[in-house]
Amino acid sequence: MNFSMLLAFLGGYELIAVGMIILLLFGGKKLPELMKGLGKGIKEFNNAKANIEGELKESMKDIDTKS
């Protein structure tokens, strides 16, 4: 599910409620560390996805040139 699609399903009040719950669970001091870890995870995921896409495109090119 895309982030923009998620925002389409969630309204303003739902996002505020989720934010408040996260703030209550993790506290204000742990929240920046949590977001930093989340950002690193998303970056690693996108890098891995790009690598896989590149390998697939390269292998498709090899298959086309051999045929």
PDB file of N, CA and C in Angstrom:
ATOM      1  N   MET A   1       0.848  -1.177   0.000  1.00  0.00           N
ATOM      2  CA  MET A   1       0.000   0.000   0.000  1.00  0.00           C
ATOM      3  C   MET A   1       0.892   1.238   0.000  1.00  0.00           C
ATOM      4  N   ASN A   2       0.563   2.164  -0.839  1.00  0.00           N
ATOM      5  CA  ASN A   2       1.311   3.398  -0.978  1.00  0.00           C
ATOM      6  C   ASN A   2       0.952   4.356   0.160  1.00  0.00           C
ATOM      7  N   PHE A   3       1.905   5.219   0.539  1.00  0.00           N
ATOM      8  CA  PHE A   3       1.667   6.158   1.639  1.00  0.00           C
ATOM      9  C   PHE A   3       0.529   7.113   1.314  1.00  0.00           C
ATOM     10  N   SER A   4       0.442   7.551   0.052  1.00  0.00           N
ATOM     11  CA  SER A   4      -0.639   8.469  -0.321  1.00  0.00           C
ATOM     12  C   SER A   4      -1.989   7.771  -0.251  1.00  0.00           C
ATOM     13  N   MET A   5      -2.009   6.474  -0.554  1.00  0.00           N
ATOM     14  CA  MET A   5      -3.263   5.725  -0.436  1.00  0.00           C
ATOM     15  C   MET A   5      -3.669   5.593   1.025  1.00  0.00           C
ATOM     16  N   LEU A   6      -2.672   5.421   1.890  1.00  0.00           N
ATOM     17  CA  LEU A   6      -2.950   5.320   3.320  1.00  0.00           C
ATOM     18  C   LEU A   6      -3.542   6.627   3.836  1.00  0.00           C
ATOM     19  N   LEU A   7      -2.991   7.744   3.378  1.00  0.00           N
ATOM     20  CA  LEU A   7      -3.514   9.039   3.807  1.00  0.00           C
ATOM     21  C   LEU A   7      -4.934   9.266   3.295  1.00  0.00           C
ATOM     22  N   ALA A   8      -5.272   8.681   2.164  1.00  0.00           N
ATOM     23  CA  ALA A   8      -6.623   8.825   1.633  1.00  0.00           C
ATOM     24  C   ALA A   8      -7.635   8.124   2.540  1.00  0.00           C
ATOM     25  N   PHE A   9      -7.231   7.010   3.157  1.00  0.00           N
ATOM     26  CA  PHE A   9      -8.127   6.278   4.037  1.00  0.00           C
ATOM     27  C   PHE A   9      -8.209   6.898   5.421  1.00  0.00           C
ATOM     28  N   LEU A  10      -7.149   7.577   5.848  1.00  0.00           N
ATOM     29  CA  LEU A  10      -7.121   8.169   7.174  1.00  0.00           C
ATOM     30  C   LEU A  10      -7.405   9.662   7.080  1.00  0.00           C
ATOM     31  N   GLY A  11      -8.273  10.125   7.935  1.00  0.00           N
ATOM     32  CA  GLY A  11      -8.565  11.545   7.989  1.00  0.00           C
ATOM     33  C   GLY A  11      -7.664  12.246   8.994  1.00  0.00           C
ATOM     34  N   GLY A  12      -7.897  13.527   9.181  1.00  0.00           N
ATOM     35  CA  GLY A  12      -7.090  14.324  10.087  1.00  0.00           C
ATOM     36  C   GLY A  12      -7.164  13.861  11.524  1.00  0.00           C
ATOM     37  N   TYR A  13      -8.375  13.543  11.984  1.00  0.00           N
ATOM     38  CA  TYR A  13      -8.540  13.131  13.376  1.00  0.00           C
ATOM     39  C   TYR A  13      -7.880  11.779  13.630  1.00  0.00           C
ATOM     40  N   GLU A  14      -7.942  10.877  12.651  1.00  0.00           N
ATOM     41  CA  GLU A  14      -7.309   9.574  12.814  1.00  0.00           C
ATOM     42  C   GLU A  14      -5.795   9.710  12.911  1.00  0.00           C
ATOM     43  N   LEU A  15      -5.212  10.569  12.081  1.00  0.00           N
ATOM     44  CA  LEU A  15      -3.769  10.782  12.119  1.00  0.00           C
ATOM     45  C   LEU A  15      -3.336  11.409  13.438  1.00  0.00           C
ATOM     46  N   ILE A  16      -4.124  12.342  13.942  1.00  0.00           N
ATOM     47  CA  ILE A  16      -3.818  12.958  15.238  1.00  0.00           C
ATOM     48  C   ILE A  16      -3.911  11.915  16.347  1.00  0.00           C
ATOM     49  N   ALA A  17      -4.924  11.057  16.291  1.00  0.00           N
ATOM     50  CA  ALA A  17      -5.079  10.015  17.316  1.00  0.00           C
ATOM     51  C   ALA A  17      -3.903   9.043  17.282  1.00  0.00           C
ATOM     52  N   VAL A  18      -3.483   8.626  16.086  1.00  0.00           N
ATOM     53  CA  VAL A  18      -2.353   7.718  15.965  1.00  0.00           C
ATOM     54  C   VAL A  18      -1.093   8.392  16.496  1.00  0.00           C
ATOM     55  N   GLY A  19      -0.898   9.653  16.170  1.00  0.00           N
ATOM     56  CA  GLY A  19       0.264  10.391  16.667  1.00  0.00           C
ATOM     57  C   GLY A  19       0.277  10.500  18.179  1.00  0.00           C
ATOM     58  N   MET A  20      -0.868  10.746  18.767  1.00  0.00           N
ATOM     59  CA  MET A  20      -0.952  10.846  20.225  1.00  0.00           C
ATOM     60  C   MET A  20      -0.666   9.493  20.886  1.00  0.00           C
ATOM     61  N   ILE A  21      -1.173   8.423  20.297  1.00  0.00           N
ATOM     62  CA  ILE A  21      -0.927   7.085  20.852  1.00  0.00           C
ATOM     63  C   ILE A  21       0.560   6.764  20.796  1.00  0.00           C
ATOM     64  N   ILE A  22       1.197   7.073  19.668  1.00  0.00           N
ATOM     65  CA  ILE A  22       2.638   6.828  19.535  1.00  0.00           C
ATOM     66  C   ILE A  22       3.410   7.657  20.558  1.00  0.00           C
ATOM     67  N   LEU A  23       3.003   8.909  20.736  1.00  0.00           N
ATOM     68  CA  LEU A  23       3.665   9.778  21.710  1.00  0.00           C
ATOM     69  C   LEU A  23       3.510   9.239  23.128  1.00  0.00           C
ATOM     70  N   LEU A  24       2.336   8.733  23.446  1.00  0.00           N
ATOM     71  CA  LEU A  24       2.113   8.173  24.781  1.00  0.00           C
ATOM     72  C   LEU A  24       2.899   6.883  24.997  1.00  0.00           C
ATOM     73  N   LEU A  25       2.995   6.056  23.971  1.00  0.00           N
ATOM     74  CA  LEU A  25       3.690   4.780  24.109  1.00  0.00           C
ATOM     75  C   LEU A  25       5.201   4.952  24.226  1.00  0.00           C
ATOM     76  N   PHE A  26       5.763   5.814  23.398  1.00  0.00           N
ATOM     77  CA  PHE A  26       7.210   5.916  23.328  1.00  0.00           C
ATOM     78  C   PHE A  26       7.776   7.125  24.054  1.00  0.00           C
ATOM     79  N   GLY A  27       6.982   8.117  24.316  1.00  0.00           N
ATOM     80  CA  GLY A  27       7.462   9.301  25.008  1.00  0.00           C
ATOM     81  C   GLY A  27       8.180  10.254  24.068  1.00  0.00           C
ATOM     82  N   GLY A  28       8.313  11.481  24.498  1.00  0.00           N
ATOM     83  CA  GLY A  28       8.917  12.509  23.662  1.00  0.00           C
ATOM     84  C   GLY A  28      10.405  12.321  23.433  1.00  0.00           C
ATOM     85  N   LYS A  29      11.092  11.699  24.386  1.00  0.00           N
ATOM     86  CA  LYS A  29      12.541  11.534  24.253  1.00  0.00           C
ATOM     87  C   LYS A  29      12.908  10.389  23.312  1.00  0.00           C
ATOM     88  N   LYS A  30      12.091   9.362  23.256  1.00  0.00           N
ATOM     89  CA  LYS A  30      12.381   8.202  22.405  1.00  0.00           C
ATOM     90  C   LYS A  30      11.872   8.398  20.974  1.00  0.00           C
ATOM     91  N   LEU A  31      10.986   9.321  20.767  1.00  0.00           N
ATOM     92  CA  LEU A  31      10.368   9.506  19.452  1.00  0.00           C
ATOM     93  C   LEU A  31      11.375   9.847  18.358  1.00  0.00           C
ATOM     94  N   PRO A  32      12.336  10.763  18.567  1.00  0.00           N
ATOM     95  CA  PRO A  32      13.320  11.027  17.507  1.00  0.00           C
ATOM     96  C   PRO A  32      14.157   9.802  17.149  1.00  0.00           C
ATOM     97  N   GLU A  33      14.517   8.999  18.147  1.00  0.00           N
ATOM     98  CA  GLU A  33      15.275   7.774  17.876  1.00  0.00           C
ATOM     99  C   GLU A  33      14.438   6.794  17.060  1.00  0.00           C
ATOM    100  N   LEU A  34      13.156   6.697  17.386  1.00  0.00           N
ATOM    101  CA  LEU A  34      12.253   5.812  16.663  1.00  0.00           C
ATOM    102  C   LEU A  34      12.123   6.248  15.206  1.00  0.00           C
ATOM    103  N   MET A  35      11.957   7.539  14.978  1.00  0.00           N
ATOM    104  CA  MET A  35      11.818   8.049  13.609  1.00  0.00           C
ATOM    105  C   MET A  35      13.116   7.887  12.815  1.00  0.00           C
ATOM    106  N   LYS A  36      14.249   8.052  13.485  1.00  0.00           N
ATOM    107  CA  LYS A  36      15.543   7.874  12.823  1.00  0.00           C
ATOM    108  C   LYS A  36      15.705   6.423  12.369  1.00  0.00           C
ATOM    109  N   GLY A  37      15.361   5.500  13.244  1.00  0.00           N
ATOM    110  CA  GLY A  37      15.434   4.080  12.886  1.00  0.00           C
ATOM    111  C   GLY A  37      14.473   3.729  11.770  1.00  0.00           C
ATOM    112  N   LEU A  38      13.286   4.310  11.808  1.00  0.00           N
ATOM    113  CA  LEU A  38      12.301   4.075  10.757  1.00  0.00           C
ATOM    114  C   LEU A  38      12.801   4.609   9.421  1.00  0.00           C
ATOM    115  N   GLY A  39      13.406   5.780   9.437  1.00  0.00           N
ATOM    116  CA  GLY A  39      13.958   6.359   8.210  1.00  0.00           C
ATOM    117  C   GLY A  39      15.076   5.523   7.635  1.00  0.00           C
ATOM    118  N   LYS A  40      15.952   5.006   8.503  1.00  0.00           N
ATOM    119  CA  LYS A  40      17.038   4.135   8.038  1.00  0.00           C
ATOM    120  C   LYS A  40      16.477   2.857   7.426  1.00  0.00           C
ATOM    121  N   GLY A  41      15.470   2.309   8.049  1.00  0.00           N
ATOM    122  CA  GLY A  41      14.853   1.087   7.532  1.00  0.00           C
ATOM    123  C   GLY A  41      14.227   1.297   6.169  1.00  0.00           C
ATOM    124  N   ILE A  42      13.535   2.419   6.000  1.00  0.00           N
ATOM    125  CA  ILE A  42      12.917   2.726   4.712  1.00  0.00           C
ATOM    126  C   ILE A  42      13.984   2.937   3.646  1.00  0.00           C
ATOM    127  N   LYS A  43      15.081   3.617   4.017  1.00  0.00           N
ATOM    128  CA  LYS A  43      16.170   3.849   3.065  1.00  0.00           C
ATOM    129  C   LYS A  43      16.792   2.532   2.621  1.00  0.00           C
ATOM    130  N   GLU A  44      17.051   1.627   3.570  1.00  0.00           N
ATOM    131  CA  GLU A  44      17.627   0.326   3.241  1.00  0.00           C
ATOM    132  C   GLU A  44      16.684  -0.480   2.354  1.00  0.00           C
ATOM    133  N   PHE A  45      15.392  -0.423   2.641  1.00  0.00           N
ATOM    134  CA  PHE A  45      14.407  -1.135   1.831  1.00  0.00           C
ATOM    135  C   PHE A  45      14.399  -0.611   0.402  1.00  0.00           C
ATOM    136  N   ASN A  46      14.413   0.709   0.256  1.00  0.00           N
ATOM    137  CA  ASN A  46      14.409   1.290  -1.089  1.00  0.00           C
ATOM    138  C   ASN A  46      15.694   0.961  -1.847  1.00  0.00           C
ATOM    139  N   ASN A  47      16.829   0.941  -1.162  1.00  0.00           N
ATOM    140  CA  ASN A  47      18.090   0.566  -1.809  1.00  0.00           C
ATOM    141  C   ASN A  47      18.049  -0.882  -2.279  1.00  0.00           C
ATOM    142  N   ALA A  48      17.538  -1.768  -1.443  1.00  0.00           N
ATOM    143  CA  ALA A  48      17.442  -3.178  -1.818  1.00  0.00           C
ATOM    144  C   ALA A  48      16.490  -3.356  -2.996  1.00  0.00           C
ATOM    145  N   LYS A  49      15.392  -2.625  -2.975  1.00  0.00           N
ATOM    146  CA  LYS A  49      14.424  -2.700  -4.072  1.00  0.00           C
ATOM    147  C   LYS A  49      15.046  -2.217  -5.375  1.00  0.00           C
ATOM    148  N   ALA A  50      15.814  -1.142  -5.320  1.00  0.00           N
ATOM    149  CA  ALA A  50      16.472  -0.614  -6.512  1.00  0.00           C
ATOM    150  C   ALA A  50      17.512  -1.599  -7.045  1.00  0.00           C
ATOM    151  N   ASN A  51      18.251  -2.246  -6.139  1.00  0.00           N
ATOM    152  CA  ASN A  51      19.238  -3.240  -6.564  1.00  0.00           C
ATOM    153  C   ASN A  51      18.576  -4.417  -7.266  1.00  0.00           C
ATOM    154  N   ILE A  52      17.488  -4.895  -6.718  1.00  0.00           N
ATOM    155  CA  ILE A  52      16.773  -6.018  -7.322  1.00  0.00           C
ATOM    156  C   ILE A  52      16.213  -5.629  -8.685  1.00  0.00           C
ATOM    157  N   GLU A  53      15.640  -4.434  -8.780  1.00  0.00           N
ATOM    158  CA  GLU A  53      15.112  -3.975 -10.067  1.00  0.00           C
ATOM    159  C   GLU A  53      16.220  -3.864 -11.098  1.00  0.00           C
ATOM    160  N   GLY A  54      17.381  -3.360 -10.691  1.00  0.00           N
ATOM    161  CA  GLY A  54      18.513  -3.246 -11.606  1.00  0.00           C
ATOM    162  C   GLY A  54      18.992  -4.602 -12.088  1.00  0.00           C
ATOM    163  N   GLU A  55      19.067  -5.569 -11.184  1.00  0.00           N
ATOM    164  CA  GLU A  55      19.491  -6.911 -11.559  1.00  0.00           C
ATOM    165  C   GLU A  55      18.489  -7.557 -12.513  1.00  0.00           C
ATOM    166  N   LEU A  56      17.194  -7.359 -12.255  1.00  0.00           N
ATOM    167  CA  LEU A  56      16.175  -7.912 -13.145  1.00  0.00           C
ATOM    168  C   LEU A  56      16.261  -7.297 -14.536  1.00  0.00           C
ATOM    169  N   LYS A  57      16.435  -5.994 -14.610  1.00  0.00           N
ATOM    170  CA  LYS A  57      16.549  -5.333 -15.908  1.00  0.00           C
ATOM    171  C   LYS A  57      17.790  -5.802 -16.656  1.00  0.00           C
ATOM    172  N   GLU A  58      18.897  -5.977 -15.930  1.00  0.00           N
ATOM    173  CA  GLU A  58      20.129  -6.438 -16.546  1.00  0.00           C
ATOM    174  C   GLU A  58      19.981  -7.858 -17.080  1.00  0.00           C
ATOM    175  N   SER A  59      19.332  -8.716 -16.297  1.00  0.00           N
ATOM    176  CA  SER A  59      19.150 -10.096 -16.751  1.00  0.00           C
ATOM    177  C   SER A  59      18.189 -10.171 -17.930  1.00  0.00           C
ATOM    178  N   MET A  60      17.183  -9.307 -17.956  1.00  0.00           N
ATOM    179  CA  MET A  60      16.272  -9.265 -19.107  1.00  0.00           C
ATOM    180  C   MET A  60      17.004  -8.790 -20.353  1.00  0.00           C
ATOM    181  N   LYS A  61      17.925  -7.838 -20.183  1.00  0.00           N
ATOM    182  CA  LYS A  61      18.729  -7.362 -21.309  1.00  0.00           C
ATOM    183  C   LYS A  61      19.599  -8.480 -21.843  1.00  0.00           C
ATOM    184  N   ASP A  62      20.209  -9.258 -20.936  1.00  0.00           N
ATOM    185  CA  ASP A  62      21.057 -10.378 -21.335  1.00  0.00           C
ATOM    186  C   ASP A  62      20.258 -11.428 -22.097  1.00  0.00           C
ATOM    187  N   ILE A  63      19.062 -11.696 -21.636  1.00  0.00           N
ATOM    188  CA  ILE A  63      18.193 -12.677 -22.292  1.00  0.00           C
ATOM    189  C   ILE A  63      17.820 -12.192 -23.690  1.00  0.00           C
ATOM    190  N   ASP A  64      17.513 -10.903 -23.830  1.00  0.00           N
ATOM    191  CA  ASP A  64      17.141 -10.354 -25.131  1.00  0.00           C
ATOM    192  C   ASP A  64      18.300 -10.393 -26.115  1.00  0.00           C
ATOM    193  N   THR A  65      19.513 -10.116 -25.638  1.00  0.00           N
ATOM    194  CA  THR A  65      20.666 -10.098 -26.537  1.00  0.00           C
ATOM    195  C   THR A  65      21.076 -11.510 -26.965  1.00  0.00           C
ATOM    196  N   LYS A  66      20.824 -12.510 -26.141  1.00  0.00           N
ATOM    197  CA  LYS A  66      21.165 -13.891 -26.473  1.00  0.00           C
ATOM    198  C   LYS A  66      20.169 -14.494 -27.455  1.00  0.00           C
ATOM    199  N   SER A  67      18.952 -13.987 -27.459  1.00  0.00           N
ATOM    200  CA  SER A  67      17.899 -14.551 -28.332  1.00  0.00           C
ATOM    201  C   SER A  67      18.037 -14.134 -29.760  1.00  0.00           C
TER     202      SER A  67
END
